[in-house]
Protein backbone atom coordinates (compact mmCIF):
# COMPACT_ATOMS: atom_id res chain seq x y z
CA MET A 1 19.91 -12.40 31.42
CA ASP A 2 16.48 -12.99 31.77
CA THR A 3 14.29 -15.92 30.88
CA ASN A 4 13.08 -13.79 27.40
CA ASP A 5 16.81 -13.08 27.01
CA GLN A 6 17.30 -16.45 27.27
CA SER A 7 14.79 -17.85 25.12
CA GLU A 8 15.20 -15.23 22.54
CA SER A 9 18.88 -16.09 21.92
CA ILE A 10 18.48 -20.57 21.94
CA ILE A 11 15.99 -19.66 18.49
CA LEU A 12 17.98 -16.88 17.29
CA TYR A 13 21.12 -18.97 16.76
CA ALA A 14 19.68 -22.95 17.36
CA PRO A 15 20.51 -24.06 13.83
CA GLU A 16 17.59 -26.12 14.40
CA ALA A 17 14.96 -24.04 15.85
CA SER A 18 13.12 -23.45 12.13
CA ALA A 19 13.35 -27.23 11.85
CA LYS A 20 10.90 -27.37 15.19
CA ILE A 21 8.12 -25.58 13.29
CA VAL A 22 5.08 -28.26 12.41
CA SER A 23 6.23 -29.64 16.47
CA ALA A 24 5.64 -25.76 17.29
CA GLN A 25 2.26 -25.76 15.62
CA ARG A 26 0.81 -28.94 17.90
CA GLN A 27 1.56 -27.51 20.60
CA ARG A 28 0.70 -23.74 20.31
CA THR A 29 0.08 -21.66 23.33
CA GLU A 30 -3.61 -20.05 22.77
CA ALA A 31 -3.78 -16.48 20.88
CA LYS A 32 -5.19 -14.28 22.45
CA TRP A 33 -6.37 -10.44 21.06
CA THR A 34 -4.48 -7.68 22.41
CA PHE A 35 -4.76 -3.53 22.44
CA TRP A 36 -2.30 -3.65 19.59
CA LEU A 37 -3.58 -6.02 17.51
CA LEU A 38 -7.05 -4.34 18.05
CA THR A 39 -5.85 -0.24 17.64
CA ALA A 40 -3.85 -1.85 14.65
CA GLY A 41 -6.81 -3.16 13.04
CA ILE A 42 -9.68 -1.02 14.21
CA SER A 43 -6.97 2.15 12.58
CA THR A 44 -6.31 0.70 9.50
CA THR A 45 -9.82 -0.37 8.69
CA PHE A 46 -11.43 3.49 9.84
CA GLY A 47 -8.15 4.88 8.68
CA ALA A 48 -8.32 3.29 5.06
CA ALA A 49 -10.72 0.77 4.28
CA ILE A 50 -13.60 2.24 5.05
CA PRO A 51 -12.78 5.71 2.64
CA THR A 52 -11.81 3.11 0.05
CA GLY A 53 -15.76 1.84 0.54
CA TYR A 54 -16.92 4.99 0.87
CA ASN A 55 -15.89 6.30 -2.17
CA ILE A 56 -17.26 3.58 -3.96
CA GLY A 57 -20.53 4.11 -2.77
CA VAL A 58 -20.86 7.77 -2.50
CA ILE A 59 -20.51 8.67 -5.95
CA ASN A 60 -24.14 6.81 -7.18
CA ALA A 61 -26.65 9.40 -5.49
CA PRO A 62 -25.15 12.45 -6.66
CA ALA A 63 -24.94 11.42 -9.78
CA ASN A 64 -27.28 13.97 -11.87
CA TYR A 65 -26.31 17.03 -9.12
CA ILE A 66 -22.43 16.69 -9.99
CA LYS A 67 -22.80 16.10 -13.60
CA GLU A 68 -25.07 19.16 -14.24
CA TRP A 69 -22.07 21.12 -11.99
CA CYS A 70 -19.50 19.46 -14.05
CA ASN A 71 -21.22 20.52 -17.74
CA GLU A 72 -21.77 24.21 -16.46
CA THR A 73 -17.83 24.81 -15.12
CA ILE A 74 -16.74 22.95 -18.79
CA PHE A 75 -19.13 25.47 -20.30
CA GLU A 76 -17.64 28.07 -18.28
CA THR A 77 -13.99 27.37 -19.09
CA TYR A 78 -13.68 26.34 -21.82
CA GLY A 79 -17.13 28.05 -24.45
CA THR A 80 -18.25 24.27 -24.76
CA VAL A 81 -21.63 22.82 -24.33
CA LEU A 82 -21.61 18.50 -23.89
CA THR A 83 -24.13 17.22 -25.13
CA GLU A 84 -25.99 13.87 -23.80
CA GLY A 85 -24.21 11.96 -24.79
CA GLU A 86 -21.04 13.46 -24.08
CA LEU A 87 -21.69 14.40 -20.69
CA ASP A 88 -22.50 10.27 -19.76
CA THR A 89 -19.14 9.56 -21.71
CA PHE A 90 -17.47 11.98 -19.40
CA TRP A 91 -19.46 10.96 -16.38
CA ALA A 92 -18.17 7.30 -17.39
CA VAL A 93 -15.16 8.85 -17.03
CA VAL A 94 -15.17 10.24 -13.66
CA VAL A 95 -16.85 6.86 -12.09
CA SER A 96 -14.22 4.83 -14.18
CA ILE A 97 -10.97 6.53 -13.52
CA PHE A 98 -10.93 5.63 -9.62
CA LEU A 99 -11.03 2.19 -10.89
CA ILE A 100 -8.06 2.41 -13.16
CA GLY A 101 -6.01 4.43 -9.73
CA GLY A 102 -7.55 1.06 -8.08
CA VAL A 103 -5.07 -0.91 -10.54
CA ILE A 104 -1.78 0.92 -11.06
CA GLY A 105 -2.21 1.86 -6.81
CA SER A 106 -2.05 -2.15 -6.38
CA LEU A 107 1.00 -2.76 -9.61
CA GLY A 108 2.57 0.53 -7.34
CA GLY A 109 1.77 -1.26 -3.64
CA ALA A 110 4.63 -4.37 -4.27
CA TRP A 111 7.61 -1.87 -4.46
CA LEU A 112 6.19 0.07 -1.01
CA ALA A 113 5.60 -2.71 0.95
CA ASP A 114 9.32 -3.49 0.65
CA LYS A 115 10.77 -1.00 -0.02
CA LEU A 116 9.12 1.82 2.56
CA GLY A 117 7.52 -1.11 4.80
CA ARG A 118 4.07 -2.34 5.40
CA LYS A 119 3.58 0.10 7.78
CA GLN A 120 4.59 3.24 5.38
CA SER A 121 2.38 1.73 2.69
CA TYR A 122 -0.87 2.44 5.01
CA LEU A 123 0.74 5.56 5.98
CA ALA A 124 0.74 6.14 2.00
CA CYS A 125 -2.56 5.77 1.84
CA GLY A 126 -3.77 7.93 4.78
CA PHE A 127 -1.62 10.61 2.32
CA LEU A 128 -3.76 9.94 -1.30
CA LEU A 129 -7.07 9.90 0.77
CA VAL A 130 -6.70 13.12 1.74
CA ILE A 131 -5.53 14.61 -0.75
CA GLY A 132 -8.15 13.30 -2.81
CA GLY A 133 -11.07 14.45 0.05
CA VAL A 134 -9.76 18.30 -0.61
CA CYS A 135 -9.67 18.07 -4.10
CA PHE A 136 -13.24 17.71 -4.06
CA GLN A 137 -13.69 19.94 -1.36
CA PHE A 138 -12.48 22.24 -3.32
CA CYS A 139 -13.05 21.33 -7.04
CA ARG A 140 -16.87 23.34 -6.96
CA ALA A 141 -15.43 25.93 -5.11
CA VAL A 142 -12.70 27.15 -7.59
CA GLY A 143 -14.67 25.56 -10.84
CA SER A 144 -12.30 22.76 -11.81
CA VAL A 145 -13.82 19.23 -12.83
CA GLU A 146 -9.80 18.44 -13.32
CA LEU A 147 -9.75 18.60 -9.29
CA LEU A 148 -12.13 16.74 -9.39
CA LEU A 149 -10.84 14.48 -11.38
CA LEU A 150 -7.37 14.44 -9.59
CA GLY A 151 -9.45 13.36 -6.45
CA ARG A 152 -10.63 10.47 -8.05
CA VAL A 153 -7.77 9.02 -9.91
CA LEU A 154 -6.30 9.46 -6.23
CA VAL A 155 -9.08 8.42 -4.02
CA GLY A 156 -8.88 5.34 -6.88
CA LEU A 157 -4.72 4.83 -6.26
CA ALA A 158 -4.92 5.47 -2.14
CA ALA A 159 -7.86 2.18 -2.90
CA GLY A 160 -5.21 0.12 -5.16
CA LEU A 161 -2.46 0.35 -2.71
CA THR A 162 -4.93 -0.53 1.24
CA THR A 163 -5.83 -3.74 -0.89
CA SER A 164 -2.77 -4.62 -1.78
CA THR A 165 -0.64 -3.65 1.41
CA VAL A 166 -3.15 -3.58 4.16
CA PRO A 167 -4.08 -7.19 4.46
CA MET A 168 -1.15 -8.26 4.65
CA TYR A 169 -0.09 -5.67 7.16
CA LEU A 170 -2.79 -7.27 9.54
CA THR A 171 -1.85 -10.76 8.34
CA GLU A 172 1.55 -10.21 9.60
CA LEU A 173 1.17 -9.09 12.87
CA ALA A 174 -1.21 -11.82 13.56
CA PRO A 175 -0.36 -15.08 15.32
CA ILE A 176 -1.25 -17.71 12.85
CA GLU A 177 -4.87 -18.49 15.28
CA LEU A 178 -5.62 -15.10 14.31
CA ARG A 179 -4.30 -14.90 10.79
CA GLY A 180 -7.53 -14.93 9.39
CA ALA A 181 -9.96 -12.42 11.75
CA LEU A 182 -7.76 -9.92 11.91
CA GLY A 183 -7.32 -9.92 8.10
CA VAL A 184 -10.80 -10.24 7.04
CA PHE A 185 -11.07 -6.38 8.62
CA CYS A 186 -10.14 -4.35 5.73
CA SER A 187 -12.81 -6.68 3.70
CA MET A 188 -15.54 -5.66 6.53
CA GLY A 189 -13.80 -1.42 6.41
CA VAL A 190 -14.55 -2.05 2.29
CA THR A 191 -18.38 -3.04 3.04
CA GLY A 192 -19.23 -0.87 5.40
CA GLY A 193 -17.37 2.12 3.58
CA VAL A 194 -20.03 1.21 0.34
CA VAL A 195 -22.77 1.17 2.91
CA VAL A 196 -22.06 4.25 5.08
CA GLY A 197 -21.36 6.67 1.26
CA GLN A 198 -24.91 5.35 0.43
CA ILE A 199 -26.40 6.64 3.45
CA LEU A 200 -24.94 10.09 3.69
CA SER A 201 -24.97 10.61 -0.18
CA LEU A 202 -28.56 10.03 0.58
CA GLU A 203 -30.52 14.22 -1.10
CA GLU A 204 -31.88 13.29 3.48
CA ILE A 205 -28.16 14.41 4.40
CA PHE A 206 -25.69 15.99 2.27
CA GLY A 207 -26.92 14.54 -1.49
CA THR A 208 -27.86 17.41 -2.70
CA GLU A 209 -26.86 19.81 -4.90
CA GLU A 210 -25.69 22.74 -3.12
CA LEU A 211 -23.81 19.80 -0.72
CA TRP A 212 -22.37 17.37 -3.02
CA GLN A 213 -19.17 18.54 -2.37
CA PHE A 214 -19.32 17.52 1.15
CA ALA A 215 -20.43 14.26 0.50
CA LEU A 216 -17.41 13.49 -1.33
CA SER A 217 -15.51 14.29 1.10
CA PHE A 218 -16.72 13.44 4.83
CA TYR A 219 -14.62 10.57 4.48
CA VAL A 220 -11.32 11.74 5.80
CA LEU A 221 -12.92 13.10 9.05
CA LEU A 222 -12.66 9.49 9.35
CA VAL A 223 -9.47 9.03 8.09
CA ILE A 224 -7.64 12.06 9.68
CA THR A 225 -9.41 10.25 13.47
CA PHE A 226 -7.79 6.89 12.90
CA PHE A 227 -4.24 8.18 11.80
CA VAL A 228 -4.10 9.77 15.61
CA PRO A 229 -2.26 5.81 16.94
CA TYR A 230 -0.41 6.03 14.04
CA HIS A 231 3.68 7.05 15.21
CA TRP A 232 2.69 3.97 17.33
CA LEU A 233 1.65 1.49 15.48
CA PRO A 234 3.64 -1.37 15.32
CA GLU A 235 5.92 -1.97 11.67
CA SER A 236 5.34 -5.28 10.96
CA PRO A 237 7.65 -8.26 12.56
CA LYS A 238 7.99 -10.40 9.91
CA TYR A 239 8.91 -8.20 7.54
CA LEU A 240 11.83 -6.32 9.61
CA TYR A 241 12.87 -10.02 10.90
CA VAL A 242 13.19 -11.46 7.09
CA ILE A 243 13.58 -8.38 4.52
CA LYS A 244 15.18 -6.10 6.85
CA GLN A 245 16.99 -8.24 9.40
CA ARG A 246 16.84 -6.32 11.85
CA ARG A 247 15.51 -8.58 14.29
CA ASP A 248 16.09 -6.91 18.05
CA GLU A 249 13.45 -4.92 16.65
CA ALA A 250 11.33 -7.22 14.58
CA ILE A 251 11.78 -8.93 18.52
CA ASN A 252 10.54 -6.26 20.64
CA GLU A 253 7.08 -5.70 18.24
CA ILE A 254 6.38 -9.76 18.99
CA LYS A 255 6.32 -8.61 22.62
CA ARG A 256 4.28 -5.36 21.46
CA LEU A 257 1.56 -7.44 20.27
CA GLY A 258 1.73 -9.57 23.04
CA GLY A 259 0.96 -8.06 25.67
CA LYS A 260 2.06 -7.07 29.18
CA ASN A 261 1.49 -10.76 30.08
CA VAL A 262 2.56 -12.36 27.10
CA LYS A 263 4.93 -15.91 27.94
CA ASP A 264 8.23 -16.91 26.81
CA GLU A 265 6.66 -19.28 24.53
CA TYR A 266 4.27 -17.62 22.54
CA ILE A 267 7.91 -15.45 21.63
CA ARG A 268 9.23 -18.22 21.14
CA GLN A 269 7.34 -19.68 18.96
CA GLN A 270 6.39 -16.63 17.02
CA ILE A 271 10.49 -16.42 16.20
CA GLU A 272 10.91 -19.85 14.84
CA SER A 273 7.59 -18.90 12.65
CA MET A 274 9.43 -16.51 11.11
CA ARG A 275 12.88 -17.77 11.03
CA SER A 276 11.00 -20.66 8.68
CA GLU A 277 10.70 -17.73 6.00
CA ASP A 278 14.76 -16.26 6.28
CA VAL A 279 17.70 -17.65 5.54
CA PRO A 280 18.64 -21.39 7.57
CA ASN A 281 21.77 -20.15 9.62
CA SER A 282 23.93 -22.69 8.33
CA VAL A 283 25.00 -20.46 5.79
CA SER A 284 28.14 -18.51 5.33
CA ASP A 285 27.87 -15.22 5.13
CA ASP A 286 27.96 -14.54 1.60
CA GLU A 287 25.42 -17.62 1.02
CA GLU A 288 22.80 -15.29 3.38
CA THR A 289 23.55 -12.11 1.75
CA GLN A 290 22.26 -12.89 -1.47
CA GLN A 291 19.70 -15.21 -0.12
CA THR A 292 18.77 -12.40 2.10
CA LYS A 293 18.71 -10.31 -0.87
CA SER A 294 16.20 -13.05 -2.80
CA LYS A 295 13.72 -11.93 -0.35
CA GLN A 296 12.87 -9.07 -1.86
CA ARG A 297 10.67 -9.93 -5.03
CA SER A 298 10.50 -7.97 -8.11
CA LEU A 299 6.99 -8.25 -8.91
CA TRP A 300 8.58 -9.69 -12.68
CA SER A 301 10.54 -12.32 -10.75
CA VAL A 302 7.21 -13.38 -8.60
CA LEU A 303 5.63 -13.94 -12.43
CA THR A 304 8.03 -15.96 -13.68
CA ASP A 305 8.76 -18.62 -11.62
CA PRO A 306 7.17 -21.87 -11.58
CA THR A 307 6.78 -22.54 -8.14
CA LEU A 308 4.75 -19.48 -7.70
CA ALA A 309 2.51 -20.48 -10.67
CA LEU A 310 -0.62 -22.19 -9.27
CA PRO A 311 -0.54 -20.23 -6.20
CA LEU A 312 -0.09 -16.57 -8.13
CA ILE A 313 -3.48 -18.55 -10.11
CA LEU A 314 -5.40 -18.65 -7.06
CA VAL A 315 -5.50 -15.35 -5.29
CA CYS A 316 -5.42 -14.15 -8.84
CA ALA A 317 -8.43 -16.13 -9.40
CA LEU A 318 -10.20 -14.99 -6.08
CA GLN A 319 -9.88 -11.39 -6.91
CA GLY A 320 -10.68 -11.31 -10.32
CA GLY A 321 -13.20 -12.84 -9.16
CA GLN A 322 -14.81 -11.91 -6.33
CA GLN A 323 -15.63 -9.25 -9.05
CA LEU A 324 -16.81 -11.90 -11.25
CA SER A 325 -19.39 -13.01 -9.57
CA GLY A 326 -21.36 -9.76 -9.97
CA ILE A 327 -21.88 -8.54 -6.31
CA ASN A 328 -21.28 -5.20 -7.74
CA ALA A 329 -24.10 -5.43 -11.09
CA VAL A 330 -27.17 -7.88 -8.51
CA PHE A 331 -26.56 -4.62 -6.64
CA PHE A 332 -26.84 -2.52 -9.17
CA TYR A 333 -30.52 -4.35 -10.58
CA SER A 334 -31.95 -4.67 -7.19
CA VAL A 335 -33.27 -1.82 -7.63
CA SER A 336 -35.06 -2.06 -10.82
CA ILE A 337 -36.08 -5.73 -9.10
CA PHE A 338 -37.45 -3.43 -5.79
CA GLU A 339 -39.74 -1.20 -8.58
CA SER A 340 -41.20 -4.48 -9.64
CA VAL A 341 -42.69 -5.80 -6.82
CA GLY A 342 -44.65 -2.17 -6.51
CA LEU A 343 -42.04 -0.14 -4.43
CA SER A 344 -40.95 3.65 -5.46
CA SER A 345 -38.34 5.06 -6.49
CA THR A 346 -37.06 6.17 -3.74
CA GLY A 347 -38.19 3.04 -1.74
CA ALA A 348 -36.25 0.57 -3.96
CA LYS A 349 -33.22 2.71 -3.02
CA PHE A 350 -33.89 2.62 0.62
CA ALA A 351 -34.68 -1.65 -0.23
CA ASN A 352 -31.34 -2.04 -2.36
CA LEU A 353 -29.85 0.72 0.65
CA GLY A 354 -31.29 -2.26 3.50
CA ALA A 355 -29.55 -5.52 1.19
CA GLY A 356 -26.13 -3.55 1.63
CA CYS A 357 -27.05 -3.40 5.18
CA LEU A 358 -27.23 -6.91 4.79
CA ASN A 359 -24.01 -7.75 3.09
CA LEU A 360 -22.48 -5.55 5.93
CA PHE A 361 -24.18 -7.08 8.91
CA VAL A 362 -23.21 -10.98 7.35
CA ALA A 363 -19.66 -9.16 7.41
CA PHE A 364 -19.27 -9.15 11.14
CA PHE A 365 -19.15 -11.78 11.78
CA THR A 366 -16.36 -13.47 9.52
CA PRO A 367 -13.68 -12.61 12.23
CA MET A 368 -15.15 -15.74 14.10
CA LEU A 369 -16.35 -17.57 10.53
CA MET A 370 -12.42 -17.23 9.99
CA GLU A 371 -11.75 -18.24 13.15
CA LYS A 372 -13.75 -21.30 13.69
CA PHE A 373 -14.05 -22.81 9.90
CA ASN A 374 -11.89 -23.87 7.05
CA ARG A 375 -11.16 -22.10 4.52
CA ARG A 376 -11.79 -23.93 2.14
CA PHE A 377 -15.66 -24.85 3.46
CA LEU A 378 -16.12 -21.48 3.28
CA ALA A 379 -14.70 -20.86 -0.11
CA LEU A 380 -16.72 -23.37 -1.41
CA LEU A 381 -19.26 -23.02 -0.12
CA SER A 382 -19.99 -19.26 -0.60
CA CYS A 383 -18.81 -19.95 -4.73
CA SER A 384 -21.74 -23.14 -5.02
CA MET A 385 -24.17 -21.03 -3.15
CA CYS A 386 -23.67 -18.16 -5.46
CA GLY A 387 -23.30 -19.80 -8.66
CA VAL A 388 -26.42 -21.44 -7.94
CA PHE A 389 -28.84 -18.07 -6.16
CA LEU A 390 -27.52 -16.57 -10.05
CA PHE A 391 -28.12 -19.26 -12.43
CA ALA A 392 -31.93 -18.69 -10.41
CA LEU A 393 -32.27 -15.02 -10.36
CA THR A 394 -32.01 -15.28 -13.95
CA PHE A 395 -34.23 -18.01 -14.15
CA ILE A 396 -36.46 -15.28 -12.32
CA VAL A 397 -35.89 -12.91 -13.87
CA TYR A 398 -36.68 -14.06 -17.45
CA PHE A 399 -40.83 -15.12 -16.52
CA ILE A 400 -40.76 -12.48 -14.05
CA ASP A 401 -43.98 -10.95 -16.05
CA HIS A 402 -44.89 -14.48 -16.55
CA VAL A 403 -45.46 -15.53 -12.35
CA SER A 404 -46.69 -12.76 -10.00
CA TRP A 405 -45.16 -14.02 -7.44
CA PHE A 406 -41.36 -14.16 -8.83
CA SER A 407 -40.90 -10.90 -7.54
CA TYR A 408 -40.72 -11.49 -3.95
CA ALA A 409 -38.52 -14.70 -5.16
CA SER A 410 -35.98 -12.52 -6.92
CA ILE A 411 -35.55 -10.93 -3.78
CA ILE A 412 -35.46 -13.65 -2.01
CA ALA A 413 -33.04 -14.87 -4.24
CA ILE A 414 -30.46 -11.76 -4.11
CA LEU A 415 -30.58 -11.85 -0.43
CA LEU A 416 -29.44 -15.07 0.11
CA TYR A 417 -27.15 -14.13 -2.85
CA ILE A 418 -25.50 -11.92 -1.07
CA LEU A 419 -25.90 -13.98 2.64
CA PHE A 420 -23.69 -16.69 0.74
CA TYR A 421 -20.80 -14.58 -0.70
CA GLN A 422 -20.68 -12.43 1.91
CA ILE A 423 -19.57 -15.49 4.52
CA GLY A 424 -16.30 -17.11 1.88
CA LEU A 425 -16.06 -14.73 -1.88
CA GLY A 426 -16.62 -10.91 0.08
CA PRO A 427 -14.33 -11.32 2.77
CA ILE A 428 -11.52 -14.53 1.81
CA PRO A 429 -9.65 -13.15 -1.26
CA TYR A 430 -8.62 -10.40 0.29
CA PHE A 431 -5.92 -11.97 3.16
CA ILE A 432 -5.46 -15.16 1.08
CA GLY A 433 -2.60 -13.98 -1.00
CA SER A 434 -0.39 -14.41 2.92
CA GLU A 435 -1.39 -17.14 3.45
CA LEU A 436 -0.71 -18.90 0.33
CA PHE A 437 2.79 -16.94 -0.74
CA GLU A 438 5.69 -16.56 1.87
CA VAL A 439 6.61 -12.57 3.40
CA GLY A 440 9.29 -12.03 0.04
CA PRO A 441 6.92 -12.78 -2.92
CA ARG A 442 3.68 -11.83 -0.29
CA PRO A 443 3.83 -8.34 -2.18
CA ALA A 444 3.78 -8.91 -5.50
CA ALA A 445 1.24 -11.37 -5.06
CA MET A 446 -1.03 -9.75 -3.03
CA ALA A 447 -0.52 -6.29 -5.77
CA MET A 448 -1.18 -9.26 -8.62
CA GLY A 449 -4.27 -9.70 -6.66
CA SER A 450 -5.28 -6.89 -6.18
CA ILE A 451 -5.13 -6.10 -9.50
CA ALA A 452 -6.83 -8.18 -10.83
CA SER A 453 -9.93 -7.63 -8.27
CA TRP A 454 -9.64 -3.36 -10.03
CA GLY A 455 -9.32 -4.56 -13.13
CA CYS A 456 -12.25 -6.99 -12.98
CA ASN A 457 -14.12 -4.28 -11.60
CA PHE A 458 -13.40 -2.05 -13.75
CA LEU A 459 -14.53 -4.23 -17.04
CA VAL A 460 -17.94 -5.64 -14.95
CA ALA A 461 -18.77 -1.41 -14.46
CA MET A 462 -17.92 -1.01 -18.61
CA LEU A 463 -18.98 -3.49 -19.86
CA PHE A 464 -22.45 -4.99 -17.71
CA THR A 465 -24.81 -1.58 -18.86
CA THR A 466 -24.49 -2.66 -22.70
CA LEU A 467 -24.64 -6.61 -21.82
CA GLN A 468 -27.88 -5.77 -19.58
CA SER A 469 -29.39 -3.62 -22.24
CA ALA A 470 -28.77 -6.59 -24.60
CA TRP A 471 -29.51 -9.65 -22.96
CA GLY A 472 -31.70 -8.69 -20.75
CA ALA A 473 -31.67 -11.50 -17.01
CA PHE A 474 -29.45 -13.72 -19.06
CA VAL A 475 -26.34 -10.84 -17.35
CA PHE A 476 -26.59 -13.20 -15.00
CA LEU A 477 -25.05 -16.27 -16.79
CA PRO A 478 -21.56 -14.81 -17.66
CA PHE A 479 -21.52 -14.72 -13.30
CA THR A 480 -23.02 -18.03 -12.73
CA VAL A 481 -20.63 -19.12 -15.28
CA THR A 482 -17.58 -17.53 -12.42
CA CYS A 483 -19.01 -18.84 -9.76
CA VAL A 484 -19.12 -22.80 -11.13
CA LEU A 485 -15.18 -22.66 -13.31
CA LEU A 486 -14.21 -20.67 -9.23
CA THR A 487 -15.04 -23.53 -7.61
CA LEU A 488 -13.83 -25.96 -9.85
CA LEU A 489 -10.50 -24.01 -9.19
CA LEU A 490 -11.17 -24.26 -5.81
CA LYS A 491 -12.54 -28.02 -5.25
CA TYR A 492 -9.04 -29.24 -6.69
CA TYR A 493 -5.67 -26.91 -5.65
CA LEU A 494 -6.83 -24.51 -3.37
CA PRO A 495 -5.07 -26.00 0.50
CA GLU A 496 -6.84 -25.29 2.96
CA THR A 497 -4.17 -22.31 5.19
CA ARG A 498 -6.34 -22.34 7.84
CA GLY A 499 -4.19 -22.85 11.58
CA ARG A 500 -0.74 -24.02 9.53
CA HIS A 501 2.04 -21.85 8.81
CA ILE A 502 3.14 -20.81 4.86
CA SER A 503 6.64 -23.13 5.39
CA SER A 504 3.95 -25.95 5.23
CA ILE A 505 1.65 -24.90 2.60
CA VAL A 506 4.05 -23.40 0.82
CA PRO A 507 5.24 -26.52 -1.32
CA LEU A 508 1.83 -27.80 -1.59
CA VAL A 509 1.14 -25.55 -4.45
CA SER A 510 4.56 -25.36 -5.95
CA ASN A 511 4.52 -27.84 -9.14
CA GLY A 512 1.80 -26.22 -11.02
CA PHE A 513 -1.36 -28.06 -11.64
CA ARG A 514 0.48 -31.04 -10.80
CA SER A 515 0.58 -29.94 -7.95
CA LYS A 516 -1.27 -32.56 -5.13
CA PRO A 517 -2.34 -29.75 -1.74
CA LEU A 518 -5.39 -31.92 -0.54
CA VAL A 519 -2.76 -33.96 1.51
CA PRO A 520 -3.66 -35.19 4.88
CA TRP A 521 -2.66 -33.14 7.69
CA SER A 522 -3.36 -32.70 11.32
């Protein structure tokens, strides 16, 4: 037996191994980026996360051309001419059905992640995205608005599945030190996808009356290209070890993820980490079978478990609050603000695209931020400063006609809001569920967080225009209040998770709002 086999045997069968997890955290070997970690991160980012963002950003610029085609096609198919109001309603359905698909896809993410595995859930995302793209490409050729609607539903399902399973997959592949850095790849992809969608849907590229279907379907090339290495991607070792009890396969995946020069100590620490979330060795066979089954938690069992109430609230509040913080509303409103300083309509759209590029530029630094700074610090700084600049934007926009330089101040407020949003409130909600929940309830928790995200996104999309007409500049106040409330919740109840094993975090938030998660830790 070689050294590796000996170390595995010691850890697999020593009852005290999981009890050493705290000391292992303090003596942890330095984690490093390896080929398969990077390959998994890049593949999932370009194969699923960017297409998700792409389908959010691509639909706005060619909207008028697509609406005209829909009206003509409905008349040719059904002999009905839609009024302007009916056409606007139909278009609202085309846009919002993507968000409804996101909610449904998130709900199915919990089941797929446990039944098929994290890796095959990613495959399901790619399959839905490709079929949706095919619907977009051929809906015009066959003259079918139903195919356009079906495509939006399918990419919505894929988007919900992506945001509920891909961050979980990546954080389960990563060692503790790189968990946050790899976990933000999905957030970066969604942010980048929005910008790519906005660019390719410009009239100078695909956003024309003749080419809009190519704008909607272009992302399929990314999906097909970056699914090439899928067969060789590793499955989550934690899923194999804890959920499926296929421990030899889990250890082999750890070795692959660790690279050619992986050390025995690294393998030992990863196995101890998984054992701490698995059943104790001291239980009998019958007890182990029962406890193994309990690792696969249904959505209902997670929702009704009082020990999981607080972390579930934190995950849903962060993901829902991410949308209710007004990021999409700010981008929507920024076009009119840019026009107010004298830019043409086209110039304002390009300036808005520039703001999106700033969002993406800051996102590129989030892996480093997650690796170097505590989650609590970044989340609190982000939420509080977003609240400050949203309130400032409300004040500035309200008095923008009375003070000449307020137009420029509004642009500064928007850019600073975007900057602070992206250092915490943008990336952290995507992966925080993987750091607050053990392997068993994790899929259900991530699914609930994703549902909160897509559901709140739907609310903003449906209500913002109406509220803007009724409230004017004060439309930003609800978003300000959201940021303030989220800051207070995180201040008192979000434990620090960076560099800490989940087994040491779970007890801190297991007593609901009576929990005291801010205990000293070193």
